[in-house]
């Protein structure tokens, strides 16, 4: 069973590919550290038109257009029918994540950040 960490779209904002690459790398590192799959927004929602000759990125593109993506680390979306735990005022560390994962109810949980 996969466990997902879904990163809030507001974490990304809209920026150039260099800035977004750093954010994706951070998401992938957290997912790897926590044993989860990170669900991240697609390029169209994060890459700024001002860094693309004023044009929006095509909706069909995914990050594998730009890099080799490990699907066990980054994915397009998390299930919407499972339990979602939202974090607001805390930074999840390894101990928090291990505790959260132990308490899951077997429904493909999603941690929303």
Protein backbone atom coordinates (compact mmCIF):
# COMPACT_ATOMS: atom_id res chain seq x y z
CA UNK A 1 0.00 0.00 0.00
CA UNK A 2 1.29 3.45 -0.90
CA UNK A 3 1.28 6.31 1.56
CA UNK A 4 1.12 9.80 0.07
CA UNK A 5 2.24 13.21 1.16
CA UNK A 6 0.35 15.85 -0.80
CA UNK A 7 2.06 19.21 -0.95
CA UNK A 8 -0.31 22.17 -0.95
CA UNK A 9 -0.23 24.07 -4.23
CA UNK A 10 0.37 27.31 -2.33
CA UNK A 11 3.80 25.98 -1.35
CA UNK A 12 4.90 26.23 -4.96
CA UNK A 13 3.52 29.49 -6.25
CA UNK A 14 4.53 30.30 -9.81
CA UNK A 15 8.19 30.65 -10.70
CA UNK A 16 10.86 29.62 -13.16
CA UNK A 17 12.04 26.07 -13.60
CA UNK A 18 15.12 26.60 -11.41
CA UNK A 19 13.09 27.66 -8.38
CA UNK A 20 10.46 24.99 -8.91
CA UNK A 21 13.16 22.33 -9.34
CA UNK A 22 14.43 23.16 -5.87
CA UNK A 23 10.94 22.82 -4.40
CA UNK A 24 10.36 19.50 -6.18
CA UNK A 25 13.70 18.20 -4.92
CA UNK A 26 12.66 19.15 -1.38
CA UNK A 27 9.33 17.33 -1.81
CA UNK A 28 11.10 14.24 -3.18
CA UNK A 29 13.60 14.28 -0.30
CA UNK A 30 10.81 14.47 2.31
CA UNK A 31 8.88 11.69 0.59
CA UNK A 32 11.96 9.49 0.47
CA UNK A 33 12.83 10.19 4.11
CA UNK A 34 9.27 9.42 5.22
CA UNK A 35 8.72 6.41 2.96
CA UNK A 36 5.90 8.18 1.09
CA UNK A 37 5.08 9.21 -2.45
CA UNK A 38 4.90 12.99 -2.92
CA UNK A 39 1.91 14.26 -4.89
CA UNK A 40 2.92 17.54 -6.51
CA UNK A 41 1.22 19.97 -8.89
CA UNK A 42 2.00 19.77 -12.62
CA UNK A 43 4.24 22.20 -14.54
CA UNK A 44 1.24 24.15 -15.88
CA UNK A 45 0.24 25.14 -12.35
CA UNK A 46 3.71 26.10 -11.16
CA UNK A 47 5.86 27.34 -14.03
CA UNK A 48 5.43 31.05 -14.68
CA UNK A 49 4.49 32.35 -18.11
CA UNK A 50 7.06 35.12 -17.67
CA UNK A 51 9.77 32.46 -17.82
CA UNK A 52 8.23 30.85 -20.92
CA UNK A 53 8.01 33.69 -23.45
CA UNK A 54 4.63 34.73 -22.02
CA UNK A 55 2.98 31.37 -22.78
CA UNK A 56 1.38 28.91 -20.35
CA UNK A 57 2.93 25.48 -20.21
CA UNK A 58 0.91 22.86 -22.08
CA UNK A 59 -1.55 21.08 -19.77
CA UNK A 60 -0.47 17.64 -21.02
CA UNK A 61 3.11 18.02 -19.78
CA UNK A 62 4.36 16.37 -16.62
CA UNK A 63 7.72 16.71 -14.89
CA UNK A 64 9.08 13.73 -16.83
CA UNK A 65 9.26 16.11 -19.80
CA UNK A 66 12.13 17.84 -18.01
CA UNK A 67 13.70 15.09 -15.86
CA UNK A 68 13.67 11.38 -15.19
CA UNK A 69 11.04 10.98 -12.46
CA UNK A 70 10.89 8.07 -10.04
CA UNK A 71 7.14 7.29 -9.74
CA UNK A 72 7.74 5.87 -6.25
CA UNK A 73 8.86 9.35 -5.14
CA UNK A 74 6.82 11.90 -7.16
CA UNK A 75 3.35 11.48 -8.62
CA UNK A 76 0.60 13.63 -10.12
CA UNK A 77 -2.01 13.12 -7.42
CA UNK A 78 -2.88 11.36 -4.21
CA UNK A 79 -6.10 9.39 -3.80
CA UNK A 80 -9.04 11.55 -2.79
CA UNK A 81 -11.02 8.79 -1.11
CA UNK A 82 -8.56 8.01 1.71
CA UNK A 83 -7.93 9.65 5.05
CA UNK A 84 -6.20 13.04 4.74
CA UNK A 85 -4.27 14.45 7.68
CA UNK A 86 -3.64 18.19 7.37
CA UNK A 87 -0.70 19.89 9.02
CA UNK A 88 -0.91 23.57 9.77
CA UNK A 89 1.44 24.80 12.46
CA UNK A 90 4.06 22.13 12.67
CA UNK A 91 7.04 20.92 10.73
CA UNK A 92 6.90 17.17 10.23
CA UNK A 93 10.12 15.46 11.22
CA UNK A 94 11.03 11.79 10.99
CA UNK A 95 9.64 10.96 14.46
CA UNK A 96 6.32 12.68 13.70
CA UNK A 97 5.98 10.84 10.41
CA UNK A 98 6.78 7.45 11.93
CA UNK A 99 4.12 8.05 14.60
CA UNK A 100 1.59 9.21 12.01
CA UNK A 101 2.25 6.18 9.81
CA UNK A 102 1.79 3.82 12.78
CA UNK A 103 -1.64 5.31 13.45
CA UNK A 104 -2.95 5.02 9.92
CA UNK A 105 -6.05 2.94 9.41
CA UNK A 106 -5.00 1.03 6.29
CA UNK A 107 -6.93 3.23 3.83
CA UNK A 108 -4.03 4.60 1.80
CA UNK A 109 -3.56 7.67 3.99
CA UNK A 110 -2.58 11.06 2.66
CA UNK A 111 -0.68 13.70 4.59
CA UNK A 112 -1.52 17.17 3.30
CA UNK A 113 1.12 19.87 3.62
